[in-house]
Amino acid sequence: MLLGTAAQESLFGTYLVQLGVPPGIGGLGIFQMEGLTFNDLVARYGVKFPVIKLFSYNEMEWNLRAAIIMARVKYYSCPGVIPKDLKDQAAYYKRWYNTPLGTATVEEYLANYDKYVLHG
């Protein structure tokens, strides 16, 4: 799930800062986590996972450990179980990480997974 998300969101680290968006609002790092999402996760899950309180939003750009942990906490916050099937994972990503309002598609996720994870 995390490999596919990194492949989709940043083309596996090609883009670590969301272009054309004011600092603190746009996505940062391999998972392109937005500031509002980061702050919400720290507020809701900082007691359960205290290590996330040690991270700053700006670290998402360069601290892979922080970015991976925060992306995993994001998926932890989502309902249901992460699917085992790749196509179902793509749909889960679209619904819960990118959201229905985001521009990503299931097909794009699958293509990026194939390109960066399977054949990178």
PDB file of N, CA and C in Angstrom:
ATOM      1  N   MET A   1       0.828  -1.186   0.000  1.00  0.00           N
ATOM      2  CA  MET A   1       0.000   0.000   0.000  1.00  0.00           C
ATOM      3  C   MET A   1       0.872   1.249   0.000  1.00  0.00           C
ATOM      4  N   LEU A   2       1.895   1.245   0.842  1.00  0.00           N
ATOM      5  CA  LEU A   2       2.764   2.417   0.916  1.00  0.00           C
ATOM      6  C   LEU A   2       3.616   2.576  -0.342  1.00  0.00           C
ATOM      7  N   LEU A   3       4.086   1.467  -0.905  1.00  0.00           N
ATOM      8  CA  LEU A   3       4.860   1.561  -2.143  1.00  0.00           C
ATOM      9  C   LEU A   3       4.008   2.144  -3.265  1.00  0.00           C
ATOM     10  N   GLY A   4       2.778   1.678  -3.377  1.00  0.00           N
ATOM     11  CA  GLY A   4       1.876   2.194  -4.402  1.00  0.00           C
ATOM     12  C   GLY A   4       1.547   3.659  -4.190  1.00  0.00           C
ATOM     13  N   THR A   5       1.372   4.048  -2.950  1.00  0.00           N
ATOM     14  CA  THR A   5       1.070   5.446  -2.643  1.00  0.00           C
ATOM     15  C   THR A   5       2.254   6.349  -3.004  1.00  0.00           C
ATOM     16  N   ALA A   6       3.468   5.906  -2.682  1.00  0.00           N
ATOM     17  CA  ALA A   6       4.653   6.688  -3.041  1.00  0.00           C
ATOM     18  C   ALA A   6       4.817   6.756  -4.558  1.00  0.00           C
ATOM     19  N   ALA A   7       4.553   5.649  -5.232  1.00  0.00           N
ATOM     20  CA  ALA A   7       4.649   5.637  -6.696  1.00  0.00           C
ATOM     21  C   ALA A   7       3.651   6.613  -7.308  1.00  0.00           C
ATOM     22  N   GLN A   8       2.462   6.651  -6.768  1.00  0.00           N
ATOM     23  CA  GLN A   8       1.416   7.521  -7.304  1.00  0.00           C
ATOM     24  C   GLN A   8       1.617   8.979  -6.918  1.00  0.00           C
ATOM     25  N   GLU A   9       1.865   9.220  -5.661  1.00  0.00           N
ATOM     26  CA  GLU A   9       1.888  10.596  -5.159  1.00  0.00           C
ATOM     27  C   GLU A   9       3.106  11.402  -5.599  1.00  0.00           C
ATOM     28  N   SER A  10       4.296  10.777  -5.610  1.00  0.00           N
ATOM     29  CA  SER A  10       5.515  11.535  -5.913  1.00  0.00           C
ATOM     30  C   SER A  10       6.335  10.926  -7.040  1.00  0.00           C
ATOM     31  N   LEU A  11       5.754   9.958  -7.715  1.00  0.00           N
ATOM     32  CA  LEU A  11       6.496   9.198  -8.737  1.00  0.00           C
ATOM     33  C   LEU A  11       7.787   8.660  -8.118  1.00  0.00           C
ATOM     34  N   PHE A  12       7.601   8.072  -6.930  1.00  0.00           N
ATOM     35  CA  PHE A  12       8.673   7.429  -6.153  1.00  0.00           C
ATOM     36  C   PHE A  12       9.791   8.395  -5.801  1.00  0.00           C
ATOM     37  N   GLY A  13       9.425   9.575  -5.409  1.00  0.00           N
ATOM     38  CA  GLY A  13      10.393  10.552  -4.939  1.00  0.00           C
ATOM     39  C   GLY A  13      10.850  11.554  -5.975  1.00  0.00           C
ATOM     40  N   THR A  14      10.276  11.514  -7.156  1.00  0.00           N
ATOM     41  CA  THR A  14      10.627  12.487  -8.191  1.00  0.00           C
ATOM     42  C   THR A  14      10.230  13.891  -7.752  1.00  0.00           C
ATOM     43  N   TYR A  15       9.067  14.000  -7.130  1.00  0.00           N
ATOM     44  CA  TYR A  15       8.556  15.285  -6.654  1.00  0.00           C
ATOM     45  C   TYR A  15       8.363  15.206  -5.149  1.00  0.00           C
ATOM     46  N   LEU A  16       9.118  16.004  -4.402  1.00  0.00           N
ATOM     47  CA  LEU A  16       9.024  15.981  -2.949  1.00  0.00           C
ATOM     48  C   LEU A  16       8.301  17.188  -2.383  1.00  0.00           C
ATOM     49  N   VAL A  17       7.994  18.155  -3.251  1.00  0.00           N
ATOM     50  CA  VAL A  17       7.237  19.341  -2.857  1.00  0.00           C
ATOM     51  C   VAL A  17       6.169  19.556  -3.923  1.00  0.00           C
ATOM     52  N   GLN A  18       4.926  19.728  -3.487  1.00  0.00           N
ATOM     53  CA  GLN A  18       3.843  19.976  -4.439  1.00  0.00           C
ATOM     54  C   GLN A  18       4.027  21.354  -5.056  1.00  0.00           C
ATOM     55  N   LEU A  19       4.112  21.377  -6.354  1.00  0.00           N
ATOM     56  CA  LEU A  19       4.350  22.631  -7.069  1.00  0.00           C
ATOM     57  C   LEU A  19       3.086  23.480  -7.156  1.00  0.00           C
ATOM     58  N   GLY A  20       3.258  24.796  -7.086  1.00  0.00           N
ATOM     59  CA  GLY A  20       2.151  25.722  -7.275  1.00  0.00           C
ATOM     60  C   GLY A  20       1.194  25.846  -6.102  1.00  0.00           C
ATOM     61  N   VAL A  21       1.625  25.360  -4.942  1.00  0.00           N
ATOM     62  CA  VAL A  21       0.770  25.426  -3.753  1.00  0.00           C
ATOM     63  C   VAL A  21       1.564  26.114  -2.646  1.00  0.00           C
ATOM     64  N   PRO A  22       0.939  27.012  -1.890  1.00  0.00           N
ATOM     65  CA  PRO A  22       1.666  27.717  -0.827  1.00  0.00           C
ATOM     66  C   PRO A  22       2.278  26.752   0.193  1.00  0.00           C
ATOM     67  N   PRO A  23       3.469  27.071   0.711  1.00  0.00           N
ATOM     68  CA  PRO A  23       4.101  26.236   1.735  1.00  0.00           C
ATOM     69  C   PRO A  23       3.170  26.026   2.931  1.00  0.00           C
ATOM     70  N   GLY A  24       3.206  24.819   3.473  1.00  0.00           N
ATOM     71  CA  GLY A  24       2.372  24.495   4.629  1.00  0.00           C
ATOM     72  C   GLY A  24       1.000  23.982   4.263  1.00  0.00           C
ATOM     73  N   ILE A  25       0.632  24.108   3.010  1.00  0.00           N
ATOM     74  CA  ILE A  25      -0.687  23.649   2.567  1.00  0.00           C
ATOM     75  C   ILE A  25      -0.545  22.431   1.658  1.00  0.00           C
ATOM     76  N   GLY A  26       0.377  22.516   0.723  1.00  0.00           N
ATOM     77  CA  GLY A  26       0.545  21.452  -0.260  1.00  0.00           C
ATOM     78  C   GLY A  26       1.209  20.220   0.308  1.00  0.00           C
ATOM     79  N   GLY A  27       1.276  19.203  -0.516  1.00  0.00           N
ATOM     80  CA  GLY A  27       1.879  17.951  -0.108  1.00  0.00           C
ATOM     81  C   GLY A  27       3.392  18.012  -0.091  1.00  0.00           C
ATOM     82  N   LEU A  28       3.973  17.267   0.847  1.00  0.00           N
ATOM     83  CA  LEU A  28       5.423  17.167   0.968  1.00  0.00           C
ATOM     84  C   LEU A  28       5.835  15.704   1.033  1.00  0.00           C
ATOM     85  N   GLY A  29       7.004  15.426   0.514  1.00  0.00           N
ATOM     86  CA  GLY A  29       7.617  14.118   0.665  1.00  0.00           C
ATOM     87  C   GLY A  29       7.132  13.080  -0.324  1.00  0.00           C
ATOM     88  N   ILE A  30       7.598  11.852  -0.113  1.00  0.00           N
ATOM     89  CA  ILE A  30       7.289  10.773  -1.051  1.00  0.00           C
ATOM     90  C   ILE A  30       5.808  10.423  -1.073  1.00  0.00           C
ATOM     91  N   PHE A  31       5.083  10.787  -0.027  1.00  0.00           N
ATOM     92  CA  PHE A  31       3.648  10.518   0.017  1.00  0.00           C
ATOM     93  C   PHE A  31       2.814  11.775  -0.203  1.00  0.00           C
ATOM     94  N   GLN A  32       3.492  12.907  -0.431  1.00  0.00           N
ATOM     95  CA  GLN A  32       2.818  14.182  -0.677  1.00  0.00           C
ATOM     96  C   GLN A  32       1.731  14.462   0.371  1.00  0.00           C
ATOM     97  N   MET A  33       2.080  14.280   1.639  1.00  0.00           N
ATOM     98  CA  MET A  33       1.121  14.536   2.710  1.00  0.00           C
ATOM     99  C   MET A  33       0.922  16.039   2.873  1.00  0.00           C
ATOM    100  N   GLU A  34      -0.322  16.448   2.959  1.00  0.00           N
ATOM    101  CA  GLU A  34      -0.653  17.861   3.128  1.00  0.00           C
ATOM    102  C   GLU A  34      -0.579  18.254   4.602  1.00  0.00           C
ATOM    103  N   GLY A  35      -0.358  19.545   4.820  1.00  0.00           N
ATOM    104  CA  GLY A  35      -0.230  20.065   6.176  1.00  0.00           C
ATOM    105  C   GLY A  35      -1.449  19.809   7.046  1.00  0.00           C
ATOM    106  N   LEU A  36      -2.635  19.996   6.506  1.00  0.00           N
ATOM    107  CA  LEU A  36      -3.852  19.763   7.293  1.00  0.00           C
ATOM    108  C   LEU A  36      -3.979  18.306   7.701  1.00  0.00           C
ATOM    109  N   THR A  37      -3.641  17.403   6.800  1.00  0.00           N
ATOM    110  CA  THR A  37      -3.686  15.973   7.111  1.00  0.00           C
ATOM    111  C   THR A  37      -2.670  15.635   8.193  1.00  0.00           C
ATOM    112  N   PHE A  38      -1.460  16.135   8.029  1.00  0.00           N
ATOM    113  CA  PHE A  38      -0.407  15.899   9.020  1.00  0.00           C
ATOM    114  C   PHE A  38      -0.862  16.362  10.409  1.00  0.00           C
ATOM    115  N   ASN A  39      -1.338  17.600  10.493  1.00  0.00           N
ATOM    116  CA  ASN A  39      -1.754  18.151  11.788  1.00  0.00           C
ATOM    117  C   ASN A  39      -2.920  17.380  12.391  1.00  0.00           C
ATOM    118  N   ASP A  40      -3.862  16.969  11.562  1.00  0.00           N
ATOM    119  CA  ASP A  40      -4.999  16.190  12.040  1.00  0.00           C
ATOM    120  C   ASP A  40      -4.545  14.845  12.608  1.00  0.00           C
ATOM    121  N   LEU A  41      -3.649  14.172  11.911  1.00  0.00           N
ATOM    122  CA  LEU A  41      -3.164  12.870  12.381  1.00  0.00           C
ATOM    123  C   LEU A  41      -2.409  12.997  13.694  1.00  0.00           C
ATOM    124  N   VAL A  42      -1.574  14.026  13.821  1.00  0.00           N
ATOM    125  CA  VAL A  42      -0.840  14.230  15.073  1.00  0.00           C
ATOM    126  C   VAL A  42      -1.825  14.505  16.214  1.00  0.00           C
ATOM    127  N   ALA A  43      -2.827  15.317  15.954  1.00  0.00           N
ATOM    128  CA  ALA A  43      -3.815  15.642  16.998  1.00  0.00           C
ATOM    129  C   ALA A  43      -4.621  14.409  17.408  1.00  0.00           C
ATOM    130  N   ARG A  44      -5.024  13.605  16.444  1.00  0.00           N
ATOM    131  CA  ARG A  44      -5.872  12.445  16.747  1.00  0.00           C
ATOM    132  C   ARG A  44      -5.116  11.217  17.243  1.00  0.00           C
ATOM    133  N   TYR A  45      -3.874  11.032  16.778  1.00  0.00           N
ATOM    134  CA  TYR A  45      -3.163   9.783  17.072  1.00  0.00           C
ATOM    135  C   TYR A  45      -1.836   9.980  17.805  1.00  0.00           C
ATOM    136  N   GLY A  46      -1.535  11.196  18.220  1.00  0.00           N
ATOM    137  CA  GLY A  46      -0.285  11.462  18.917  1.00  0.00           C
ATOM    138  C   GLY A  46      -0.149  10.745  20.242  1.00  0.00           C
ATOM    139  N   VAL A  47      -1.249  10.496  20.927  1.00  0.00           N
ATOM    140  CA  VAL A  47      -1.188   9.764  22.198  1.00  0.00           C
ATOM    141  C   VAL A  47      -0.944   8.281  21.935  1.00  0.00           C
ATOM    142  N   LYS A  48      -1.628   7.724  20.961  1.00  0.00           N
ATOM    143  CA  LYS A  48      -1.483   6.300  20.636  1.00  0.00           C
ATOM    144  C   LYS A  48      -0.116   6.004  20.019  1.00  0.00           C
ATOM    145  N   PHE A  49       0.376   6.920  19.187  1.00  0.00           N
ATOM    146  CA  PHE A  49       1.671   6.769  18.524  1.00  0.00           C
ATOM    147  C   PHE A  49       2.528   8.000  18.837  1.00  0.00           C
ATOM    148  N   PRO A  50       3.114   8.066  20.030  1.00  0.00           N
ATOM    149  CA  PRO A  50       3.785   9.297  20.466  1.00  0.00           C
ATOM    150  C   PRO A  50       4.948   9.742  19.579  1.00  0.00           C
ATOM    151  N   VAL A  51       5.543   8.831  18.837  1.00  0.00           N
ATOM    152  CA  VAL A  51       6.661   9.220  17.976  1.00  0.00           C
ATOM    153  C   VAL A  51       6.246  10.275  16.964  1.00  0.00           C
ATOM    154  N   ILE A  52       4.987  10.294  16.544  1.00  0.00           N
ATOM    155  CA  ILE A  52       4.576  11.258  15.520  1.00  0.00           C
ATOM    156  C   ILE A  52       4.562  12.691  16.046  1.00  0.00           C
ATOM    157  N   LYS A  53       4.504  12.832  17.363  1.00  0.00           N
ATOM    158  CA  LYS A  53       4.557  14.178  17.942  1.00  0.00           C
ATOM    159  C   LYS A  53       5.957  14.777  17.842  1.00  0.00           C
ATOM    160  N   LEU A  54       6.947  13.949  17.535  1.00  0.00           N
ATOM    161  CA  LEU A  54       8.324  14.422  17.403  1.00  0.00           C
ATOM    162  C   LEU A  54       8.606  14.992  16.019  1.00  0.00           C
ATOM    163  N   PHE A  55       7.739  14.702  15.060  1.00  0.00           N
ATOM    164  CA  PHE A  55       7.955  15.139  13.682  1.00  0.00           C
ATOM    165  C   PHE A  55       7.339  16.512  13.445  1.00  0.00           C
ATOM    166  N   SER A  56       7.928  17.240  12.518  1.00  0.00           N
ATOM    167  CA  SER A  56       7.302  18.472  12.042  1.00  0.00           C
ATOM    168  C   SER A  56       6.812  18.225  10.625  1.00  0.00           C
ATOM    169  N   TYR A  57       5.852  18.992  10.207  1.00  0.00           N
ATOM    170  CA  TYR A  57       5.316  18.859   8.852  1.00  0.00           C
ATOM    171  C   TYR A  57       6.417  18.996   7.801  1.00  0.00           C
ATOM    172  N   ASN A  58       7.320  19.953   7.993  1.00  0.00           N
ATOM    173  CA  ASN A  58       8.381  20.191   7.010  1.00  0.00           C
ATOM    174  C   ASN A  58       9.310  18.995   6.832  1.00  0.00           C
ATOM    175  N   GLU A  59       9.398  18.132   7.839  1.00  0.00           N
ATOM    176  CA  GLU A  59      10.232  16.940   7.732  1.00  0.00           C
ATOM    177  C   GLU A  59       9.732  15.964   6.670  1.00  0.00           C
ATOM    178  N   MET A  60       8.473  16.058   6.310  1.00  0.00           N
ATOM    179  CA  MET A  60       7.930  15.118   5.325  1.00  0.00           C
ATOM    180  C   MET A  60       8.710  15.187   4.009  1.00  0.00           C
ATOM    181  N   GLU A  61       9.341  16.325   3.753  1.00  0.00           N
ATOM    182  CA  GLU A  61      10.087  16.497   2.505  1.00  0.00           C
ATOM    183  C   GLU A  61      11.365  15.666   2.470  1.00  0.00           C
ATOM    184  N   TRP A  62      12.041  15.515   3.607  1.00  0.00           N
ATOM    185  CA  TRP A  62      13.362  14.881   3.601  1.00  0.00           C
ATOM    186  C   TRP A  62      13.527  13.705   4.559  1.00  0.00           C
ATOM    187  N   ASN A  63      12.651  13.559   5.523  1.00  0.00           N
ATOM    188  CA  ASN A  63      12.788  12.497   6.521  1.00  0.00           C
ATOM    189  C   ASN A  63      11.903  11.306   6.117  1.00  0.00           C
ATOM    190  N   LEU A  64      12.525  10.315   5.477  1.00  0.00           N
ATOM    191  CA  LEU A  64      11.759   9.158   4.999  1.00  0.00           C
ATOM    192  C   LEU A  64      11.079   8.406   6.137  1.00  0.00           C
ATOM    193  N   ARG A  65      11.746   8.276   7.258  1.00  0.00           N
ATOM    194  CA  ARG A  65      11.149   7.573   8.402  1.00  0.00           C
ATOM    195  C   ARG A  65       9.863   8.272   8.833  1.00  0.00           C
ATOM    196  N   ALA A  66       9.917   9.577   8.967  1.00  0.00           N
ATOM    197  CA  ALA A  66       8.736  10.347   9.357  1.00  0.00           C
ATOM    198  C   ALA A  66       7.637  10.222   8.313  1.00  0.00           C
ATOM    199  N   ALA A  67       8.001  10.334   7.047  1.00  0.00           N
ATOM    200  CA  ALA A  67       7.008  10.254   5.971  1.00  0.00           C
ATOM    201  C   ALA A  67       6.334   8.884   5.942  1.00  0.00           C
ATOM    202  N   ILE A  68       7.118   7.824   6.104  1.00  0.00           N
ATOM    203  CA  ILE A  68       6.558   6.468   6.086  1.00  0.00           C
ATOM    204  C   ILE A  68       5.632   6.261   7.273  1.00  0.00           C
ATOM    205  N   ILE A  69       6.068   6.661   8.443  1.00  0.00           N
ATOM    206  CA  ILE A  69       5.233   6.488   9.640  1.00  0.00           C
ATOM    207  C   ILE A  69       3.938   7.283   9.505  1.00  0.00           C
ATOM    208  N   MET A  70       4.025   8.512   9.044  1.00  0.00           N
ATOM    209  CA  MET A  70       2.817   9.334   8.922  1.00  0.00           C
ATOM    210  C   MET A  70       1.858   8.770   7.866  1.00  0.00           C
ATOM    211  N   ALA A  71       2.387   8.269   6.765  1.00  0.00           N
ATOM    212  CA  ALA A  71       1.513   7.662   5.748  1.00  0.00           C
ATOM    213  C   ALA A  71       0.844   6.413   6.305  1.00  0.00           C
ATOM    214  N   ARG A  72       1.571   5.648   7.097  1.00  0.00           N
ATOM    215  CA  ARG A  72       0.975   4.438   7.690  1.00  0.00           C
ATOM    216  C   ARG A  72      -0.104   4.822   8.706  1.00  0.00           C
ATOM    217  N   VAL A  73       0.135   5.860   9.476  1.00  0.00           N
ATOM    218  CA  VAL A  73      -0.893   6.320  10.415  1.00  0.00           C
ATOM    219  C   VAL A  73      -2.120   6.809   9.641  1.00  0.00           C
ATOM    220  N   LYS A  74      -1.895   7.456   8.509  1.00  0.00           N
ATOM    221  CA  LYS A  74      -3.027   7.885   7.675  1.00  0.00           C
ATOM    222  C   LYS A  74      -3.878   6.676   7.290  1.00  0.00           C
ATOM    223  N   TYR A  75      -3.241   5.612   6.808  1.00  0.00           N
ATOM    224  CA  TYR A  75      -4.009   4.422   6.436  1.00  0.00           C
ATOM    225  C   TYR A  75      -4.614   3.744   7.670  1.00  0.00           C
ATOM    226  N   TYR A  76      -3.939   3.818   8.814  1.00  0.00           N
ATOM    227  CA  TYR A  76      -4.495   3.294  10.058  1.00  0.00           C
ATOM    228  C   TYR A  76      -5.809   3.996  10.389  1.00  0.00           C
ATOM    229  N   SER A  77      -5.889   5.277  10.060  1.00  0.00           N
ATOM    230  CA  SER A  77      -7.085   6.064  10.391  1.00  0.00           C
ATOM    231  C   SER A  77      -8.274   5.756   9.479  1.00  0.00           C
ATOM    232  N   CYS A  78      -8.030   5.040   8.400  1.00  0.00           N
ATOM    233  CA  CYS A  78      -9.084   4.748   7.422  1.00  0.00           C
ATOM    234  C   CYS A  78      -9.869   3.506   7.830  1.00  0.00           C
ATOM    235  N   PRO A  79     -11.167   3.476   7.510  1.00  0.00           N
ATOM    236  CA  PRO A  79     -11.973   2.314   7.867  1.00  0.00           C
ATOM    237  C   PRO A  79     -11.594   1.072   7.072  1.00  0.00           C
ATOM    238  N   GLY A  80     -11.871  -0.056   7.661  1.00  0.00           N
ATOM    239  CA  GLY A  80     -11.650  -1.321   6.965  1.00  0.00           C
ATOM    240  C   GLY A  80     -10.197  -1.750   6.989  1.00  0.00           C
ATOM    241  N   VAL A  81      -9.962  -2.862   6.330  1.00  0.00           N
ATOM    242  CA  VAL A  81      -8.640  -3.465   6.254  1.00  0.00           C
ATOM    243  C   VAL A  81      -8.036  -3.130   4.893  1.00  0.00           C
ATOM    244  N   ILE A  82      -6.743  -2.880   4.869  1.00  0.00           N
ATOM    245  CA  ILE A  82      -6.071  -2.644   3.594  1.00  0.00           C
ATOM    246  C   ILE A  82      -6.203  -3.911   2.752  1.00  0.00           C
ATOM    247  N   PRO A  83      -6.718  -3.779   1.551  1.00  0.00           N
ATOM    248  CA  PRO A  83      -6.926  -4.964   0.712  1.00  0.00           C
ATOM    249  C   PRO A  83      -5.607  -5.620   0.286  1.00  0.00           C
ATOM    250  N   LYS A  84      -5.672  -6.910   0.022  1.00  0.00           N
ATOM    251  CA  LYS A  84      -4.500  -7.647  -0.452  1.00  0.00           C
ATOM    252  C   LYS A  84      -4.334  -7.523  -1.966  1.00  0.00           C
ATOM    253  N   ASP A  85      -5.424  -7.476  -2.690  1.00  0.00           N
ATOM    254  CA  ASP A  85      -5.410  -7.393  -4.147  1.00  0.00           C
ATOM    255  C   ASP A  85      -4.993  -5.987  -4.590  1.00  0.00           C
ATOM    256  N   LEU A  86      -4.086  -5.915  -5.579  1.00  0.00           N
ATOM    257  CA  LEU A  86      -3.549  -4.625  -6.013  1.00  0.00           C
ATOM    258  C   LEU A  86      -4.627  -3.690  -6.557  1.00  0.00           C
ATOM    259  N   LYS A  87      -5.551  -4.203  -7.338  1.00  0.00           N
ATOM    260  CA  LYS A  87      -6.608  -3.339  -7.883  1.00  0.00           C
ATOM    261  C   LYS A  87      -7.495  -2.806  -6.758  1.00  0.00           C
ATOM    262  N   ASP A  88      -7.754  -3.635  -5.770  1.00  0.00           N
ATOM    263  CA  ASP A  88      -8.533  -3.178  -4.616  1.00  0.00           C
ATOM    264  C   ASP A  88      -7.743  -2.159  -3.792  1.00  0.00           C
ATOM    265  N   GLN A  89      -6.417  -2.341  -3.719  1.00  0.00           N
ATOM    266  CA  GLN A  89      -5.580  -1.353  -3.032  1.00  0.00           C
ATOM    267  C   GLN A  89      -5.648  -0.008  -3.748  1.00  0.00           C
ATOM    268  N   ALA A  90      -5.643  -0.050  -5.073  1.00  0.00           N
ATOM    269  CA  ALA A  90      -5.731   1.192  -5.847  1.00  0.00           C
ATOM    270  C   ALA A  90      -7.036   1.917  -5.557  1.00  0.00           C
ATOM    271  N   ALA A  91      -8.127   1.168  -5.474  1.00  0.00           N
ATOM    272  CA  ALA A  91      -9.425   1.771  -5.160  1.00  0.00           C
ATOM    273  C   ALA A  91      -9.446   2.299  -3.721  1.00  0.00           C
ATOM    274  N   TYR A  92      -8.823   1.578  -2.805  1.00  0.00           N
ATOM    275  CA  TYR A  92      -8.741   2.003  -1.408  1.00  0.00           C
ATOM    276  C   TYR A  92      -7.932   3.307  -1.310  1.00  0.00           C
ATOM    277  N   TYR A  93      -6.795   3.347  -2.012  1.00  0.00           N
ATOM    278  CA  TYR A  93      -5.991   4.569  -2.062  1.00  0.00           C
ATOM    279  C   TYR A  93      -6.827   5.742  -2.569  1.00  0.00           C
ATOM    280  N   LYS A  94      -7.515   5.511  -3.671  1.00  0.00           N
ATOM    281  CA  LYS A  94      -8.299   6.588  -4.279  1.00  0.00           C
ATOM    282  C   LYS A  94      -9.358   7.102  -3.312  1.00  0.00           C
ATOM    283  N   ARG A  95     -10.026   6.197  -2.653  1.00  0.00           N
ATOM    284  CA  ARG A  95     -11.104   6.614  -1.747  1.00  0.00           C
ATOM    285  C   ARG A  95     -10.582   7.304  -0.489  1.00  0.00           C
ATOM    286  N   TRP A  96      -9.536   6.749   0.131  1.00  0.00           N
ATOM    287  CA  TRP A  96      -9.147   7.213   1.450  1.00  0.00           C
ATOM    288  C   TRP A  96      -7.920   8.108   1.483  1.00  0.00           C
ATOM    289  N   TYR A  97      -7.013   7.978   0.535  1.00  0.00           N
ATOM    290  CA  TYR A  97      -5.807   8.812   0.560  1.00  0.00           C
ATOM    291  C   TYR A  97      -5.951   9.992  -0.386  1.00  0.00           C
ATOM    292  N   ASN A  98      -6.306   9.747  -1.611  1.00  0.00           N
ATOM    293  CA  ASN A  98      -6.455  10.807  -2.595  1.00  0.00           C
ATOM    294  C   ASN A  98      -7.815  11.481  -2.467  1.00  0.00           C
ATOM    295  N   THR A  99      -8.796  10.769  -2.045  1.00  0.00           N
ATOM    296  CA  THR A  99     -10.199  11.151  -1.865  1.00  0.00           C
ATOM    297  C   THR A  99     -10.913  11.250  -3.215  1.00  0.00           C
ATOM    298  N   PRO A 100     -12.223  11.117  -3.207  1.00  0.00           N
ATOM    299  CA  PRO A 100     -12.979  11.220  -4.460  1.00  0.00           C
ATOM    300  C   PRO A 100     -12.807  12.560  -5.178  1.00  0.00           C
ATOM    301  N   LEU A 101     -12.423  13.608  -4.449  1.00  0.00           N
ATOM    302  CA  LEU A 101     -12.238  14.918  -5.074  1.00  0.00           C
ATOM    303  C   LEU A 101     -10.849  15.088  -5.697  1.00  0.00           C
ATOM    304  N   GLY A 102      -9.920  14.195  -5.377  1.00  0.00           N
ATOM    305  CA  GLY A 102      -8.561  14.287  -5.913  1.00  0.00           C
ATOM    306  C   GLY A 102      -8.510  13.906  -7.389  1.00  0.00           C
ATOM    307  N   THR A 103      -7.420  14.251  -8.030  1.00  0.00           N
ATOM    308  CA  THR A 103      -7.310  14.034  -9.469  1.00  0.00           C
ATOM    309  C   THR A 103      -6.780  12.656  -9.846  1.00  0.00           C
ATOM    310  N   ALA A 104      -6.244  11.911  -8.920  1.00  0.00           N
ATOM    311  CA  ALA A 104      -5.701  10.586  -9.232  1.00  0.00           C
ATOM    312  C   ALA A 104      -6.823   9.627  -9.618  1.00  0.00           C
ATOM    313  N   THR A 105      -6.442   8.603 -10.367  1.00  0.00           N
ATOM    314  CA  THR A 105      -7.399   7.559 -10.748  1.00  0.00           C
ATOM    315  C   THR A 105      -6.835   6.195 -10.374  1.00  0.00           C
ATOM    316  N   VAL A 106      -7.715   5.227 -10.295  1.00  0.00           N
ATOM    317  CA  VAL A 106      -7.308   3.855 -10.025  1.00  0.00           C
ATOM    318  C   VAL A 106      -6.349   3.381 -11.119  1.00  0.00           C
ATOM    319  N   GLU A 107      -6.661   3.688 -12.357  1.00  0.00           N
ATOM    320  CA  GLU A 107      -5.824   3.265 -13.486  1.00  0.00           C
ATOM    321  C   GLU A 107      -4.424   3.887 -13.412  1.00  0.00           C
ATOM    322  N   GLU A 108      -4.358   5.150 -13.023  1.00  0.00           N
ATOM    323  CA  GLU A 108      -3.074   5.836 -12.890  1.00  0.00           C
ATOM    324  C   GLU A 108      -2.243   5.202 -11.774  1.00  0.00           C
ATOM    325  N   TYR A 109      -2.874   4.893 -10.657  1.00  0.00           N
ATOM    326  CA  TYR A 109      -2.202   4.222  -9.538  1.00  0.00           C
ATOM    327  C   TYR A 109      -1.607   2.904 -10.012  1.00  0.00           C
ATOM    328  N   LEU A 110      -2.405   2.110 -10.713  1.00  0.00           N
ATOM    329  CA  LEU A 110      -1.937   0.810 -11.195  1.00  0.00           C
ATOM    330  C   LEU A 110      -0.772   0.968 -12.175  1.00  0.00           C
ATOM    331  N   ALA A 111      -0.852   1.946 -13.056  1.00  0.00           N
ATOM    332  CA  ALA A 111       0.232   2.187 -14.015  1.00  0.00           C
ATOM    333  C   ALA A 111       1.510   2.626 -13.300  1.00  0.00           C
ATOM    334  N   ASN A 112       1.381   3.507 -12.311  1.00  0.00           N
ATOM    335  CA  ASN A 112       2.551   3.959 -11.566  1.00  0.00           C
ATOM    336  C   ASN A 112       3.128   2.851 -10.697  1.00  0.00           C
ATOM    337  N   TYR A 113       2.283   2.014 -10.143  1.00  0.00           N
ATOM    338  CA  TYR A 113       2.760   0.855  -9.381  1.00  0.00           C
ATOM    339  C   TYR A 113       3.586  -0.044 -10.294  1.00  0.00           C
ATOM    340  N   ASP A 114       3.060  -0.317 -11.468  1.00  0.00           N
ATOM    341  CA  ASP A 114       3.767  -1.161 -12.428  1.00  0.00           C
ATOM    342  C   ASP A 114       5.106  -0.523 -12.808  1.00  0.00           C
ATOM    343  N   LYS A 115       5.095   0.750 -13.098  1.00  0.00           N
ATOM    344  CA  LYS A 115       6.305   1.450 -13.558  1.00  0.00           C
ATOM    345  C   LYS A 115       7.373   1.563 -12.471  1.00  0.00           C
ATOM    346  N   TYR A 116       6.986   1.987 -11.267  1.00  0.00           N
ATOM    347  CA  TYR A 116       7.959   2.310 -10.229  1.00  0.00           C
ATOM    348  C   TYR A 116       8.236   1.193  -9.254  1.00  0.00           C
ATOM    349  N   VAL A 117       7.253   0.353  -8.976  1.00  0.00           N
ATOM    350  CA  VAL A 117       7.448  -0.710  -7.990  1.00  0.00           C
ATOM    351  C   VAL A 117       7.878  -2.009  -8.679  1.00  0.00           C
ATOM    352  N   LEU A 118       7.151  -2.413  -9.691  1.00  0.00           N
ATOM    353  CA  LEU A 118       7.440  -3.695 -10.343  1.00  0.00           C
ATOM    354  C   LEU A 118       8.609  -3.626 -11.321  1.00  0.00           C
ATOM    355  N   HIS A 119       8.717  -2.510 -12.035  1.00  0.00           N
ATOM    356  CA  HIS A 119       9.733  -2.413 -13.084  1.00  0.00           C
ATOM    357  C   HIS A 119      10.675  -1.235 -12.921  1.00  0.00           C
ATOM    358  N   GLY A 120      10.674  -0.611 -11.733  1.00  0.00           N
ATOM    359  CA  GLY A 120      11.476   0.580 -11.481  1.00  0.00           C
ATOM    360  C   GLY A 120      12.906   0.340 -11.635  1.00  0.00           C
TER     361      GLY A 120
END
